[in-house]
Amino acid sequence: KPEDTAVYYCNAVYGTGWSDSWGQGTQVTV
């Protein structure tokens, strides 16, 4: 849907929470 338009990022949990480091992401445009 158009409302899905965003930059999408992935992240990981190492046992204490989500990492505070992020990649560049990938753009999705609908």
PDB file of all heavy atoms in Angstrom:
ATOM      1  N   LYS A   1       0.837  -1.189   0.000  1.00  0.00           N
ATOM      2  CA  LYS A   1       0.000   0.000   0.000  1.00  0.00           C
ATOM      3  C   LYS A   1       0.876   1.245   0.000  1.00  0.00           C
ATOM      4  O   LYS A   1       2.024   1.196   0.434  1.00  0.00           O
ATOM      5  CB  LYS A   1      -0.898   0.019   1.238  1.00  0.00           C
ATOM      6  CG  LYS A   1      -1.752  -1.221   1.418  1.00  0.00           C
ATOM      7  CD  LYS A   1      -2.501  -1.163   2.735  1.00  0.00           C
ATOM      8  CE  LYS A   1      -3.354  -2.392   2.949  1.00  0.00           C
ATOM      9  NZ  LYS A   1      -4.080  -2.339   4.252  1.00  0.00           N
ATOM     10  N   PRO A   2       0.348   2.375  -0.453  1.00  0.00           N
ATOM     11  CA  PRO A   2       1.139   3.612  -0.420  1.00  0.00           C
ATOM     12  C   PRO A   2       1.665   3.941   0.971  1.00  0.00           C
ATOM     13  O   PRO A   2       2.765   4.488   1.091  1.00  0.00           O
ATOM     14  CB  PRO A   2       0.149   4.674  -0.913  1.00  0.00           C
ATOM     15  CG  PRO A   2      -0.764   3.924  -1.823  1.00  0.00           C
ATOM     16  CD  PRO A   2      -0.933   2.578  -1.173  1.00  0.00           C
ATOM     17  N   GLU A   3       0.912   3.613   2.010  1.00  0.00           N
ATOM     18  CA  GLU A   3       1.352   3.895   3.366  1.00  0.00           C
ATOM     19  C   GLU A   3       2.516   3.026   3.820  1.00  0.00           C
ATOM     20  O   GLU A   3       3.070   3.246   4.895  1.00  0.00           O
ATOM     21  CB  GLU A   3       0.189   3.775   4.365  1.00  0.00           C
ATOM     22  CG  GLU A   3      -0.629   2.511   4.192  1.00  0.00           C
ATOM     23  CD  GLU A   3      -1.867   2.719   3.340  1.00  0.00           C
ATOM     24  OE1 GLU A   3      -1.761   3.345   2.266  1.00  0.00           O
ATOM     25  OE2 GLU A   3      -2.949   2.263   3.748  1.00  0.00           O
ATOM     26  N   ASP A   4       2.894   2.033   3.019  1.00  0.00           N
ATOM     27  CA  ASP A   4       4.075   1.236   3.308  1.00  0.00           C
ATOM     28  C   ASP A   4       5.354   1.930   2.854  1.00  0.00           C
ATOM     29  O   ASP A   4       6.454   1.442   3.140  1.00  0.00           O
ATOM     30  CB  ASP A   4       3.986  -0.130   2.636  1.00  0.00           C
ATOM     31  CG  ASP A   4       2.852  -0.985   3.177  1.00  0.00           C
ATOM     32  OD1 ASP A   4       2.643  -0.984   4.409  1.00  0.00           O
ATOM     33  OD2 ASP A   4       2.185  -1.665   2.376  1.00  0.00           O
ATOM     34  N   THR A   5       5.218   3.030   2.146  1.00  0.00           N
ATOM     35  CA  THR A   5       6.379   3.763   1.659  1.00  0.00           C
ATOM     36  C   THR A   5       7.241   4.238   2.824  1.00  0.00           C
ATOM     37  O   THR A   5       6.764   4.929   3.721  1.00  0.00           O
ATOM     38  CB  THR A   5       5.949   4.962   0.814  1.00  0.00           C
ATOM     39  OG1 THR A   5       5.265   4.501  -0.358  1.00  0.00           O
ATOM     40  CG2 THR A   5       7.153   5.785   0.378  1.00  0.00           C
ATOM     41  N   ALA A   6       8.508   3.852   2.811  1.00  0.00           N
ATOM     42  CA  ALA A   6       9.420   4.188   3.893  1.00  0.00           C
ATOM     43  C   ALA A   6      10.795   3.634   3.569  1.00  0.00           C
ATOM     44  O   ALA A   6      10.973   2.884   2.612  1.00  0.00           O
ATOM     45  CB  ALA A   6       8.927   3.608   5.227  1.00  0.00           C
ATOM     46  N   VAL A   7      11.767   4.018   4.387  1.00  0.00           N
ATOM     47  CA  VAL A   7      13.061   3.371   4.363  1.00  0.00           C
ATOM     48  C   VAL A   7      13.017   2.226   5.362  1.00  0.00           C
ATOM     49  O   VAL A   7      12.634   2.425   6.520  1.00  0.00           O
ATOM     50  CB  VAL A   7      14.202   4.344   4.715  1.00  0.00           C
ATOM     51  CG1 VAL A   7      15.535   3.613   4.737  1.00  0.00           C
ATOM     52  CG2 VAL A   7      14.246   5.488   3.711  1.00  0.00           C
ATOM     53  N   TYR A   8      13.397   1.051   4.929  1.00  0.00           N
ATOM     54  CA  TYR A   8      13.331  -0.141   5.761  1.00  0.00           C
ATOM     55  C   TYR A   8      14.723  -0.514   6.252  1.00  0.00           C
ATOM     56  O   TYR A   8      15.683  -0.558   5.484  1.00  0.00           O
ATOM     57  CB  TYR A   8      12.714  -1.302   4.979  1.00  0.00           C
ATOM     58  CG  TYR A   8      11.220  -1.180   4.826  1.00  0.00           C
ATOM     59  CD1 TYR A   8      10.674  -0.216   3.992  1.00  0.00           C
ATOM     60  CD2 TYR A   8      10.352  -2.017   5.526  1.00  0.00           C
ATOM     61  CE1 TYR A   8       9.304  -0.078   3.859  1.00  0.00           C
ATOM     62  CE2 TYR A   8       8.986  -1.898   5.394  1.00  0.00           C
ATOM     63  CZ  TYR A   8       8.467  -0.925   4.559  1.00  0.00           C
ATOM     64  OH  TYR A   8       7.097  -0.798   4.423  1.00  0.00           O
ATOM     65  N   TYR A   9      14.816  -0.797   7.551  1.00  0.00           N
ATOM     66  CA  TYR A   9      16.064  -1.146   8.203  1.00  0.00           C
ATOM     67  C   TYR A   9      15.920  -2.480   8.925  1.00  0.00           C
ATOM     68  O   TYR A   9      14.830  -2.846   9.349  1.00  0.00           O
ATOM     69  CB  TYR A   9      16.458  -0.103   9.251  1.00  0.00           C
ATOM     70  CG  TYR A   9      16.571   1.313   8.758  1.00  0.00           C
ATOM     71  CD1 TYR A   9      15.455   2.135   8.690  1.00  0.00           C
ATOM     72  CD2 TYR A   9      17.805   1.840   8.389  1.00  0.00           C
ATOM     73  CE1 TYR A   9      15.554   3.448   8.261  1.00  0.00           C
ATOM     74  CE2 TYR A   9      17.909   3.152   7.957  1.00  0.00           C
ATOM     75  CZ  TYR A   9      16.783   3.948   7.897  1.00  0.00           C
ATOM     76  OH  TYR A   9      16.890   5.248   7.467  1.00  0.00           O
ATOM     77  N   CYS A  10      17.024  -3.164   9.088  1.00  0.00           N
ATOM     78  CA  CYS A  10      17.023  -4.343   9.937  1.00  0.00           C
ATOM     79  C   CYS A  10      17.885  -4.092  11.160  1.00  0.00           C
ATOM     80  O   CYS A  10      18.704  -3.168  11.194  1.00  0.00           O
ATOM     81  CB  CYS A  10      17.501  -5.595   9.183  1.00  0.00           C
ATOM     82  SG  CYS A  10      19.219  -5.553   8.621  1.00  0.00           S
ATOM     83  N   ASN A  11      17.680  -4.902  12.190  1.00  0.00           N
ATOM     84  CA  ASN A  11      18.440  -4.777  13.421  1.00  0.00           C
ATOM     85  C   ASN A  11      18.438  -6.126  14.134  1.00  0.00           C
ATOM     86  O   ASN A  11      17.760  -7.060  13.696  1.00  0.00           O
ATOM     87  CB  ASN A  11      17.851  -3.677  14.310  1.00  0.00           C
ATOM     88  CG  ASN A  11      18.890  -3.011  15.185  1.00  0.00           C
ATOM     89  OD1 ASN A  11      19.686  -3.687  15.844  1.00  0.00           O
ATOM     90  ND2 ASN A  11      18.892  -1.683  15.212  1.00  0.00           N
ATOM     91  N   ALA A  12      19.191  -6.212  15.220  1.00  0.00           N
ATOM     92  CA  ALA A  12      19.342  -7.474  15.925  1.00  0.00           C
ATOM     93  C   ALA A  12      19.348  -7.262  17.427  1.00  0.00           C
ATOM     94  O   ALA A  12      19.734  -6.203  17.924  1.00  0.00           O
ATOM     95  CB  ALA A  12      20.632  -8.182  15.498  1.00  0.00           C
ATOM     96  N   VAL A  13      18.911  -8.286  18.142  1.00  0.00           N
ATOM     97  CA  VAL A  13      18.958  -8.330  19.597  1.00  0.00           C
ATOM     98  C   VAL A  13      20.056  -9.285  20.007  1.00  0.00           C
ATOM     99  O   VAL A  13      20.103 -10.423  19.545  1.00  0.00           O
ATOM    100  CB  VAL A  13      17.611  -8.785  20.192  1.00  0.00           C
ATOM    101  CG1 VAL A  13      17.739  -8.982  21.703  1.00  0.00           C
ATOM    102  CG2 VAL A  13      16.525  -7.778  19.877  1.00  0.00           C
ATOM    103  N   TYR A  14      20.930  -8.822  20.902  1.00  0.00           N
ATOM    104  CA  TYR A  14      22.053  -9.635  21.345  1.00  0.00           C
ATOM    105  C   TYR A  14      21.862 -10.189  22.746  1.00  0.00           C
ATOM    106  O   TYR A  14      22.747 -10.815  23.288  1.00  0.00           O
ATOM    107  CB  TYR A  14      23.351  -8.817  21.295  1.00  0.00           C
ATOM    108  CG  TYR A  14      23.662  -8.264  19.948  1.00  0.00           C
ATOM    109  CD1 TYR A  14      23.374  -6.936  19.641  1.00  0.00           C
ATOM    110  CD2 TYR A  14      24.229  -9.065  18.968  1.00  0.00           C
ATOM    111  CE1 TYR A  14      23.645  -6.422  18.400  1.00  0.00           C
ATOM    112  CE2 TYR A  14      24.502  -8.555  17.713  1.00  0.00           C
ATOM    113  CZ  TYR A  14      24.211  -7.235  17.437  1.00  0.00           C
ATOM    114  OH  TYR A  14      24.491  -6.736  16.191  1.00  0.00           O
ATOM    115  N   GLY A  15      20.700  -9.956  23.329  1.00  0.00           N
ATOM    116  CA  GLY A  15      20.404 -10.436  24.666  1.00  0.00           C
ATOM    117  C   GLY A  15      20.038  -9.336  25.633  1.00  0.00           C
ATOM    118  O   GLY A  15      19.471  -9.601  26.683  1.00  0.00           O
ATOM    119  N   THR A  16      20.346  -8.090  25.287  1.00  0.00           N
ATOM    120  CA  THR A  16      20.024  -6.956  26.146  1.00  0.00           C
ATOM    121  C   THR A  16      19.057  -5.983  25.494  1.00  0.00           C
ATOM    122  O   THR A  16      18.466  -5.144  26.186  1.00  0.00           O
ATOM    123  CB  THR A  16      21.303  -6.214  26.557  1.00  0.00           C
ATOM    124  OG1 THR A  16      20.972  -5.156  27.458  1.00  0.00           O
ATOM    125  CG2 THR A  16      21.991  -5.625  25.325  1.00  0.00           C
ATOM    126  N   GLY A  17      18.894  -6.062  24.191  1.00  0.00           N
ATOM    127  CA  GLY A  17      17.994  -5.168  23.489  1.00  0.00           C
ATOM    128  C   GLY A  17      18.451  -4.946  22.059  1.00  0.00           C
ATOM    129  O   GLY A  17      19.477  -5.472  21.630  1.00  0.00           O
ATOM    130  N   TRP A  18      17.687  -4.155  21.344  1.00  0.00           N
ATOM    131  CA  TRP A  18      18.038  -3.861  19.962  1.00  0.00           C
ATOM    132  C   TRP A  18      19.320  -3.034  19.896  1.00  0.00           C
ATOM    133  O   TRP A  18      19.550  -2.147  20.705  1.00  0.00           O
ATOM    134  CB  TRP A  18      16.910  -3.108  19.270  1.00  0.00           C
ATOM    135  CG  TRP A  18      15.652  -3.911  19.137  1.00  0.00           C
ATOM    136  CD1 TRP A  18      14.534  -3.808  19.888  1.00  0.00           C
ATOM    137  CD2 TRP A  18      15.406  -4.961  18.191  1.00  0.00           C
ATOM    138  NE1 TRP A  18      13.597  -4.719  19.481  1.00  0.00           N
ATOM    139  CE2 TRP A  18      14.104  -5.441  18.433  1.00  0.00           C
ATOM    140  CE3 TRP A  18      16.161  -5.535  17.165  1.00  0.00           C
ATOM    141  CZ2 TRP A  18      13.542  -6.479  17.685  1.00  0.00           C
ATOM    142  CZ3 TRP A  18      15.598  -6.568  16.423  1.00  0.00           C
ATOM    143  CH2 TRP A  18      14.304  -7.023  16.681  1.00  0.00           C
ATOM    144  N   SER A  19      20.129  -3.339  18.904  1.00  0.00           N
ATOM    145  CA  SER A  19      21.357  -2.591  18.692  1.00  0.00           C
ATOM    146  C   SER A  19      21.044  -1.138  18.363  1.00  0.00           C
ATOM    147  O   SER A  19      20.024  -0.843  17.725  1.00  0.00           O
ATOM    148  CB  SER A  19      22.165  -3.222  17.551  1.00  0.00           C
ATOM    149  OG  SER A  19      23.264  -2.407  17.206  1.00  0.00           O
ATOM    150  N   ASP A  20      21.908  -0.234  18.806  1.00  0.00           N
ATOM    151  CA  ASP A  20      21.742   1.179  18.492  1.00  0.00           C
ATOM    152  C   ASP A  20      22.488   1.572  17.225  1.00  0.00           C
ATOM    153  O   ASP A  20      22.565   2.755  16.891  1.00  0.00           O
ATOM    154  CB  ASP A  20      22.179   2.066  19.659  1.00  0.00           C
ATOM    155  CG  ASP A  20      23.627   1.851  20.049  1.00  0.00           C
ATOM    156  OD1 ASP A  20      24.327   1.069  19.382  1.00  0.00           O
ATOM    157  OD2 ASP A  20      24.064   2.474  21.039  1.00  0.00           O
ATOM    158  N   SER A  21      23.027   0.588  16.529  1.00  0.00           N
ATOM    159  CA  SER A  21      23.684   0.810  15.250  1.00  0.00           C
ATOM    160  C   SER A  21      22.753   0.389  14.125  1.00  0.00           C
ATOM    161  O   SER A  21      22.111  -0.664  14.198  1.00  0.00           O
ATOM    162  CB  SER A  21      24.996   0.029  15.166  1.00  0.00           C
ATOM    163  OG  SER A  21      25.914   0.478  16.148  1.00  0.00           O
ATOM    164  N   TRP A  22      22.692   1.213  13.090  1.00  0.00           N
ATOM    165  CA  TRP A  22      21.797   0.968  11.972  1.00  0.00           C
ATOM    166  C   TRP A  22      22.543   1.014  10.652  1.00  0.00           C
ATOM    167  O   TRP A  22      23.540   1.719  10.508  1.00  0.00           O
ATOM    168  CB  TRP A  22      20.668   1.997  11.946  1.00  0.00           C
ATOM    169  CG  TRP A  22      19.829   1.995  13.180  1.00  0.00           C
ATOM    170  CD1 TRP A  22      20.077   2.690  14.340  1.00  0.00           C
ATOM    171  CD2 TRP A  22      18.623   1.269  13.392  1.00  0.00           C
ATOM    172  NE1 TRP A  22      19.091   2.426  15.263  1.00  0.00           N
ATOM    173  CE2 TRP A  22      18.179   1.561  14.698  1.00  0.00           C
ATOM    174  CE3 TRP A  22      17.868   0.400  12.614  1.00  0.00           C
ATOM    175  CZ2 TRP A  22      17.015   1.019  15.234  1.00  0.00           C
ATOM    176  CZ3 TRP A  22      16.713  -0.144  13.139  1.00  0.00           C
ATOM    177  CH2 TRP A  22      16.294   0.173  14.437  1.00  0.00           C
ATOM    178  N   GLY A  23      22.044   0.254   9.698  1.00  0.00           N
ATOM    179  CA  GLY A  23      22.591   0.304   8.358  1.00  0.00           C
ATOM    180  C   GLY A  23      22.015   1.470   7.579  1.00  0.00           C
ATOM    181  O   GLY A  23      21.358   2.357   8.132  1.00  0.00           O
ATOM    182  N   GLN A  24      22.259   1.478   6.297  1.00  0.00           N
ATOM    183  CA  GLN A  24      21.774   2.551   5.440  1.00  0.00           C
ATOM    184  C   GLN A  24      20.287   2.424   5.130  1.00  0.00           C
ATOM    185  O   GLN A  24      19.639   3.402   4.772  1.00  0.00           O
ATOM    186  CB  GLN A  24      22.561   2.591   4.135  1.00  0.00           C
ATOM    187  CG  GLN A  24      23.997   3.049   4.277  1.00  0.00           C
ATOM    188  CD  GLN A  24      24.090   4.498   4.668  1.00  0.00           C
ATOM    189  OE1 GLN A  24      24.326   4.837   5.835  1.00  0.00           O
ATOM    190  NE2 GLN A  24      23.890   5.387   3.706  1.00  0.00           N
ATOM    191  N   GLY A  25      19.750   1.227   5.262  1.00  0.00           N
ATOM    192  CA  GLY A  25      18.360   0.992   4.936  1.00  0.00           C
ATOM    193  C   GLY A  25      18.158   0.843   3.435  1.00  0.00           C
ATOM    194  O   GLY A  25      19.060   1.077   2.637  1.00  0.00           O
ATOM    195  N   THR A  26      16.951   0.447   3.067  1.00  0.00           N
ATOM    196  CA  THR A  26      16.604   0.330   1.661  1.00  0.00           C
ATOM    197  C   THR A  26      15.240   0.972   1.436  1.00  0.00           C
ATOM    198  O   THR A  26      14.302   0.762   2.204  1.00  0.00           O
ATOM    199  CB  THR A  26      16.619  -1.152   1.208  1.00  0.00           C
ATOM    200  OG1 THR A  26      16.382  -1.240  -0.197  1.00  0.00           O
ATOM    201  CG2 THR A  26      15.581  -1.983   1.959  1.00  0.00           C
ATOM    202  N   GLN A  27      15.134   1.771   0.404  1.00  0.00           N
ATOM    203  CA  GLN A  27      13.929   2.557   0.144  1.00  0.00           C
ATOM    204  C   GLN A  27      12.861   1.716  -0.533  1.00  0.00           C
ATOM    205  O   GLN A  27      13.119   1.034  -1.525  1.00  0.00           O
ATOM    206  CB  GLN A  27      14.260   3.766  -0.738  1.00  0.00           C
ATOM    207  CG  GLN A  27      13.045   4.586  -1.152  1.00  0.00           C
ATOM    208  CD  GLN A  27      12.466   5.381  -0.009  1.00  0.00           C
ATOM    209  OE1 GLN A  27      13.181   6.089   0.693  1.00  0.00           O
ATOM    210  NE2 GLN A  27      11.151   5.258   0.188  1.00  0.00           N
ATOM    211  N   VAL A  28      11.660   1.783   0.005  1.00  0.00           N
ATOM    212  CA  VAL A  28      10.485   1.159  -0.594  1.00  0.00           C
ATOM    213  C   VAL A  28       9.483   2.257  -0.914  1.00  0.00           C
ATOM    214  O   VAL A  28       9.082   3.012  -0.030  1.00  0.00           O
ATOM    215  CB  VAL A  28       9.851   0.113   0.336  1.00  0.00           C
ATOM    216  CG1 VAL A  28       8.515  -0.376  -0.230  1.00  0.00           C
ATOM    217  CG2 VAL A  28      10.795  -1.054   0.541  1.00  0.00           C
ATOM    218  N   THR A  29       9.098   2.353  -2.175  1.00  0.00           N
ATOM    219  CA  THR A  29       8.140   3.352  -2.612  1.00  0.00           C
ATOM    220  C   THR A  29       6.962   2.667  -3.289  1.00  0.00           C
ATOM    221  O   THR A  29       7.139   1.920  -4.251  1.00  0.00           O
ATOM    222  CB  THR A  29       8.787   4.353  -3.577  1.00  0.00           C
ATOM    223  OG1 THR A  29       9.899   4.986  -2.951  1.00  0.00           O
ATOM    224  CG2 THR A  29       7.780   5.415  -3.996  1.00  0.00           C
ATOM    225  N   VAL A  30       5.772   2.924  -2.786  1.00  0.00           N
ATOM    226  CA  VAL A  30       4.551   2.341  -3.327  1.00  0.00           C
ATOM    227  C   VAL A  30       3.675   3.482  -3.832  1.00  0.00           C
ATOM    228  O   VAL A  30       3.169   4.284  -3.045  1.00  0.00           O
ATOM    229  CB  VAL A  30       3.798   1.510  -2.286  1.00  0.00           C
ATOM    230  CG1 VAL A  30       2.594   0.824  -2.929  1.00  0.00           C
ATOM    231  CG2 VAL A  30       4.725   0.479  -1.648  1.00  0.00           C
TER     232      VAL A  30
END
